Amino acid sequence: MAKWKKKRIKVELPPEDYEKANHYLKRLREADSLVELNYYYNKVTKIIEKSQDV
């Protein structure tokens, strides 16, 4: 069985982006299908990438 290494990063987000990312993370945890997982994961990664470009 493969062991997954948790990759944690620390990102400071503006309040409106933080709220969006937090909402998507909650939905990601509740996702039932692979399509939902992929959708919310991509949303969160776009928010994080956008914040790191600034």
PDB file of N, CA and C in Angstrom:
ATOM      1  N   MET A   1       0.838  -1.184   0.000  1.00  0.00           N
ATOM      2  CA  MET A   1       0.000   0.000   0.000  1.00  0.00           C
ATOM      3  C   MET A   1       0.886   1.251   0.000  1.00  0.00           C
ATOM      4  N   ALA A   2       0.567   2.177  -0.844  1.00  0.00           N
ATOM      5  CA  ALA A   2       1.372   3.398  -0.964  1.00  0.00           C
ATOM      6  C   ALA A   2       1.098   4.327   0.208  1.00  0.00           C
ATOM      7  N   LYS A   3       2.136   4.942   0.666  1.00  0.00           N
ATOM      8  CA  LYS A   3       1.978   5.938   1.732  1.00  0.00           C
ATOM      9  C   LYS A   3       2.028   7.314   1.101  1.00  0.00           C
ATOM     10  N   TRP A   4       1.016   8.093   1.364  1.00  0.00           N
ATOM     11  CA  TRP A   4       0.950   9.442   0.800  1.00  0.00           C
ATOM     12  C   TRP A   4       1.600  10.416   1.759  1.00  0.00           C
ATOM     13  N   LYS A   5       2.433  11.227   1.229  1.00  0.00           N
ATOM     14  CA  LYS A   5       3.110  12.239   2.020  1.00  0.00           C
ATOM     15  C   LYS A   5       2.291  13.518   1.927  1.00  0.00           C
ATOM     16  N   LYS A   6       1.882  14.026   3.058  1.00  0.00           N
ATOM     17  CA  LYS A   6       1.100  15.255   3.054  1.00  0.00           C
ATOM     18  C   LYS A   6       2.009  16.425   2.737  1.00  0.00           C
ATOM     19  N   LYS A   7       1.636  17.164   1.734  1.00  0.00           N
ATOM     20  CA  LYS A   7       2.409  18.327   1.334  1.00  0.00           C
ATOM     21  C   LYS A   7       1.657  19.562   1.802  1.00  0.00           C
ATOM     22  N   ARG A   8       2.205  20.244   2.755  1.00  0.00           N
ATOM     23  CA  ARG A   8       1.561  21.440   3.288  1.00  0.00           C
ATOM     24  C   ARG A   8       2.332  22.671   2.857  1.00  0.00           C
ATOM     25  N   ILE A   9       1.575  23.654   2.449  1.00  0.00           N
ATOM     26  CA  ILE A   9       2.187  24.925   2.104  1.00  0.00           C
ATOM     27  C   ILE A   9       1.470  26.015   2.884  1.00  0.00           C
ATOM     28  N   LYS A  10       2.182  27.078   3.148  1.00  0.00           N
ATOM     29  CA  LYS A  10       1.593  28.195   3.878  1.00  0.00           C
ATOM     30  C   LYS A  10       1.398  29.332   2.895  1.00  0.00           C
ATOM     31  N   VAL A  11       0.153  29.773   2.766  1.00  0.00           N
ATOM     32  CA  VAL A  11      -0.187  30.808   1.804  1.00  0.00           C
ATOM     33  C   VAL A  11      -1.024  31.861   2.509  1.00  0.00           C
ATOM     34  N   GLU A  12      -0.679  33.109   2.287  1.00  0.00           N
ATOM     35  CA  GLU A  12      -1.501  34.200   2.817  1.00  0.00           C
ATOM     36  C   GLU A  12      -2.411  34.685   1.702  1.00  0.00           C
ATOM     37  N   LEU A  13      -3.708  34.635   1.964  1.00  0.00           N
ATOM     38  CA  LEU A  13      -4.691  35.035   0.971  1.00  0.00           C
ATOM     39  C   LEU A  13      -5.447  36.270   1.442  1.00  0.00           C
ATOM     40  N   PRO A  14      -5.863  37.109   0.505  1.00  0.00           N
ATOM     41  CA  PRO A  14      -6.759  38.205   0.869  1.00  0.00           C
ATOM     42  C   PRO A  14      -8.072  37.621   1.399  1.00  0.00           C
ATOM     43  N   PRO A  15      -8.801  38.365   2.216  1.00  0.00           N
ATOM     44  CA  PRO A  15     -10.022  37.826   2.837  1.00  0.00           C
ATOM     45  C   PRO A  15     -11.025  37.223   1.852  1.00  0.00           C
ATOM     46  N   GLU A  16     -11.247  37.872   0.702  1.00  0.00           N
ATOM     47  CA  GLU A  16     -12.241  37.332  -0.235  1.00  0.00           C
ATOM     48  C   GLU A  16     -11.757  36.025  -0.876  1.00  0.00           C
ATOM     49  N   ASP A  17     -10.471  35.930  -1.178  1.00  0.00           N
ATOM     50  CA  ASP A  17      -9.933  34.685  -1.728  1.00  0.00           C
ATOM     51  C   ASP A  17      -9.905  33.589  -0.673  1.00  0.00           C
ATOM     52  N   TYR A  18      -9.625  33.964   0.561  1.00  0.00           N
ATOM     53  CA  TYR A  18      -9.615  32.989   1.649  1.00  0.00           C
ATOM     54  C   TYR A  18     -10.996  32.374   1.826  1.00  0.00           C
ATOM     55  N   GLU A  19     -12.030  33.200   1.777  1.00  0.00           N
ATOM     56  CA  GLU A  19     -13.397  32.693   1.920  1.00  0.00           C
ATOM     57  C   GLU A  19     -13.746  31.734   0.783  1.00  0.00           C
ATOM     58  N   LYS A  20     -13.376  32.096  -0.443  1.00  0.00           N
ATOM     59  CA  LYS A  20     -13.636  31.219  -1.593  1.00  0.00           C
ATOM     60  C   LYS A  20     -12.904  29.892  -1.436  1.00  0.00           C
ATOM     61  N   ALA A  21     -11.614  29.972  -1.105  1.00  0.00           N
ATOM     62  CA  ALA A  21     -10.807  28.760  -0.971  1.00  0.00           C
ATOM     63  C   ALA A  21     -11.341  27.876   0.149  1.00  0.00           C
ATOM     64  N   ASN A  22     -11.730  28.475   1.257  1.00  0.00           N
ATOM     65  CA  ASN A  22     -12.271  27.719   2.381  1.00  0.00           C
ATOM     66  C   ASN A  22     -13.572  27.026   1.984  1.00  0.00           C
ATOM     67  N   HIS A  23     -14.422  27.740   1.238  1.00  0.00           N
ATOM     68  CA  HIS A  23     -15.679  27.161   0.760  1.00  0.00           C
ATOM     69  C   HIS A  23     -15.406  25.967  -0.154  1.00  0.00           C
ATOM     70  N   TYR A  24     -14.472  26.123  -1.093  1.00  0.00           N
ATOM     71  CA  TYR A  24     -14.143  25.033  -2.009  1.00  0.00           C
ATOM     72  C   TYR A  24     -13.516  23.849  -1.278  1.00  0.00           C
ATOM     73  N   LEU A  25     -12.716  24.117  -0.251  1.00  0.00           N
ATOM     74  CA  LEU A  25     -12.116  23.023   0.524  1.00  0.00           C
ATOM     75  C   LEU A  25     -13.184  22.224   1.263  1.00  0.00           C
ATOM     76  N   LYS A  26     -14.191  22.926   1.800  1.00  0.00           N
ATOM     77  CA  LYS A  26     -15.294  22.224   2.463  1.00  0.00           C
ATOM     78  C   LYS A  26     -16.033  21.341   1.469  1.00  0.00           C
ATOM     79  N   ARG A  27     -16.296  21.882   0.283  1.00  0.00           N
ATOM     80  CA  ARG A  27     -16.990  21.116  -0.751  1.00  0.00           C
ATOM     81  C   ARG A  27     -16.127  19.945  -1.216  1.00  0.00           C
ATOM     82  N   LEU A  28     -14.809  20.152  -1.264  1.00  0.00           N
ATOM     83  CA  LEU A  28     -13.880  19.101  -1.670  1.00  0.00           C
ATOM     84  C   LEU A  28     -13.946  17.920  -0.703  1.00  0.00           C
ATOM     85  N   ARG A  29     -14.028  18.215   0.585  1.00  0.00           N
ATOM     86  CA  ARG A  29     -14.116  17.148   1.595  1.00  0.00           C
ATOM     87  C   ARG A  29     -15.425  16.381   1.497  1.00  0.00           C
ATOM     88  N   GLU A  30     -16.485  17.051   1.027  1.00  0.00           N
ATOM     89  CA  GLU A  30     -17.805  16.423   0.937  1.00  0.00           C
ATOM     90  C   GLU A  30     -18.074  15.798  -0.432  1.00  0.00           C
ATOM     91  N   ALA A  31     -17.141  15.916  -1.364  1.00  0.00           N
ATOM     92  CA  ALA A  31     -17.347  15.454  -2.742  1.00  0.00           C
ATOM     93  C   ALA A  31     -17.591  13.947  -2.789  1.00  0.00           C
ATOM     94  N   ASP A  32     -18.551  13.559  -3.620  1.00  0.00           N
ATOM     95  CA  ASP A  32     -18.913  12.145  -3.756  1.00  0.00           C
ATOM     96  C   ASP A  32     -18.282  11.480  -4.972  1.00  0.00           C
ATOM     97  N   SER A  33     -17.990  12.259  -5.982  1.00  0.00           N
ATOM     98  CA  SER A  33     -17.483  11.654  -7.215  1.00  0.00           C
ATOM     99  C   SER A  33     -16.108  12.215  -7.576  1.00  0.00           C
ATOM    100  N   LEU A  34     -15.447  11.525  -8.445  1.00  0.00           N
ATOM    101  CA  LEU A  34     -14.130  11.951  -8.908  1.00  0.00           C
ATOM    102  C   LEU A  34     -14.213  13.271  -9.672  1.00  0.00           C
ATOM    103  N   VAL A  35     -15.300  13.468 -10.386  1.00  0.00           N
ATOM    104  CA  VAL A  35     -15.491  14.708 -11.136  1.00  0.00           C
ATOM    105  C   VAL A  35     -15.566  15.895 -10.178  1.00  0.00           C
ATOM    106  N   GLU A  36     -16.323  15.739  -9.089  1.00  0.00           N
ATOM    107  CA  GLU A  36     -16.411  16.803  -8.083  1.00  0.00           C
ATOM    108  C   GLU A  36     -15.058  17.051  -7.439  1.00  0.00           C
ATOM    109  N   LEU A  37     -14.353  15.987  -7.095  1.00  0.00           N
ATOM    110  CA  LEU A  37     -13.030  16.142  -6.488  1.00  0.00           C
ATOM    111  C   LEU A  37     -12.107  16.939  -7.395  1.00  0.00           C
ATOM    112  N   ASN A  38     -12.085  16.589  -8.651  1.00  0.00           N
ATOM    113  CA  ASN A  38     -11.227  17.266  -9.612  1.00  0.00           C
ATOM    114  C   ASN A  38     -11.619  18.737  -9.760  1.00  0.00           C
ATOM    115  N   TYR A  39     -12.915  19.005  -9.842  1.00  0.00           N
ATOM    116  CA  TYR A  39     -13.414  20.366 -10.023  1.00  0.00           C
ATOM    117  C   TYR A  39     -12.995  21.269  -8.853  1.00  0.00           C
ATOM    118  N   TYR A  40     -13.276  20.837  -7.637  1.00  0.00           N
ATOM    119  CA  TYR A  40     -12.955  21.667  -6.478  1.00  0.00           C
ATOM    120  C   TYR A  40     -11.456  21.762  -6.227  1.00  0.00           C
ATOM    121  N   TYR A  41     -10.718  20.684  -6.512  1.00  0.00           N
ATOM    122  CA  TYR A  41      -9.266  20.720  -6.373  1.00  0.00           C
ATOM    123  C   TYR A  41      -8.672  21.765  -7.321  1.00  0.00           C
ATOM    124  N   ASN A  42      -9.144  21.767  -8.559  1.00  0.00           N
ATOM    125  CA  ASN A  42      -8.652  22.745  -9.534  1.00  0.00           C
ATOM    126  C   ASN A  42      -8.992  24.167  -9.128  1.00  0.00           C
ATOM    127  N   LYS A  43     -10.173  24.378  -8.562  1.00  0.00           N
ATOM    128  CA  LYS A  43     -10.569  25.719  -8.102  1.00  0.00           C
ATOM    129  C   LYS A  43      -9.611  26.214  -7.016  1.00  0.00           C
ATOM    130  N   VAL A  44      -9.328  25.357  -6.048  1.00  0.00           N
ATOM    131  CA  VAL A  44      -8.450  25.740  -4.942  1.00  0.00           C
ATOM    132  C   VAL A  44      -7.032  25.997  -5.448  1.00  0.00           C
ATOM    133  N   THR A  45      -6.531  25.147  -6.329  1.00  0.00           N
ATOM    134  CA  THR A  45      -5.171  25.349  -6.837  1.00  0.00           C
ATOM    135  C   THR A  45      -5.057  26.637  -7.642  1.00  0.00           C
ATOM    136  N   LYS A  46      -6.090  27.001  -8.388  1.00  0.00           N
ATOM    137  CA  LYS A  46      -6.057  28.263  -9.135  1.00  0.00           C
ATOM    138  C   LYS A  46      -5.996  29.451  -8.189  1.00  0.00           C
ATOM    139  N   ILE A  47      -6.750  29.415  -7.104  1.00  0.00           N
ATOM    140  CA  ILE A  47      -6.732  30.509  -6.123  1.00  0.00           C
ATOM    141  C   ILE A  47      -5.346  30.625  -5.503  1.00  0.00           C
ATOM    142  N   ILE A  48      -4.754  29.495  -5.144  1.00  0.00           N
ATOM    143  CA  ILE A  48      -3.433  29.507  -4.514  1.00  0.00           C
ATOM    144  C   ILE A  48      -2.367  29.988  -5.496  1.00  0.00           C
ATOM    145  N   GLU A  49      -2.417  29.488  -6.722  1.00  0.00           N
ATOM    146  CA  GLU A  49      -1.435  29.931  -7.729  1.00  0.00           C
ATOM    147  C   GLU A  49      -1.554  31.406  -8.012  1.00  0.00           C
ATOM    148  N   LYS A  50      -2.765  31.911  -8.055  1.00  0.00           N
ATOM    149  CA  LYS A  50      -2.991  33.330  -8.308  1.00  0.00           C
ATOM    150  C   LYS A  50      -2.394  34.167  -7.168  1.00  0.00           C
ATOM    151  N   SER A  51      -2.524  33.696  -5.949  1.00  0.00           N
ATOM    152  CA  SER A  51      -1.996  34.448  -4.806  1.00  0.00           C
ATOM    153  C   SER A  51      -0.470  34.443  -4.772  1.00  0.00           C
ATOM    154  N   GLN A  52       0.150  33.388  -5.297  1.00  0.00           N
ATOM    155  CA  GLN A  52       1.608  33.296  -5.276  1.00  0.00           C
ATOM    156  C   GLN A  52       2.231  34.132  -6.390  1.00  0.00           C
ATOM    157  N   ASP A  53       1.466  34.463  -7.417  1.00  0.00           N
ATOM    158  CA  ASP A  53       1.977  35.288  -8.508  1.00  0.00           C
ATOM    159  C   ASP A  53       2.128  36.749  -8.114  1.00  0.00           C
ATOM    160  N   VAL A  54       1.394  37.157  -7.104  1.00  0.00           N
ATOM    161  CA  VAL A  54       1.385  38.572  -6.704  1.00  0.00           C
ATOM    162  C   VAL A  54       2.681  38.970  -6.065  1.00  0.00           C
TER     163      VAL A  54
END
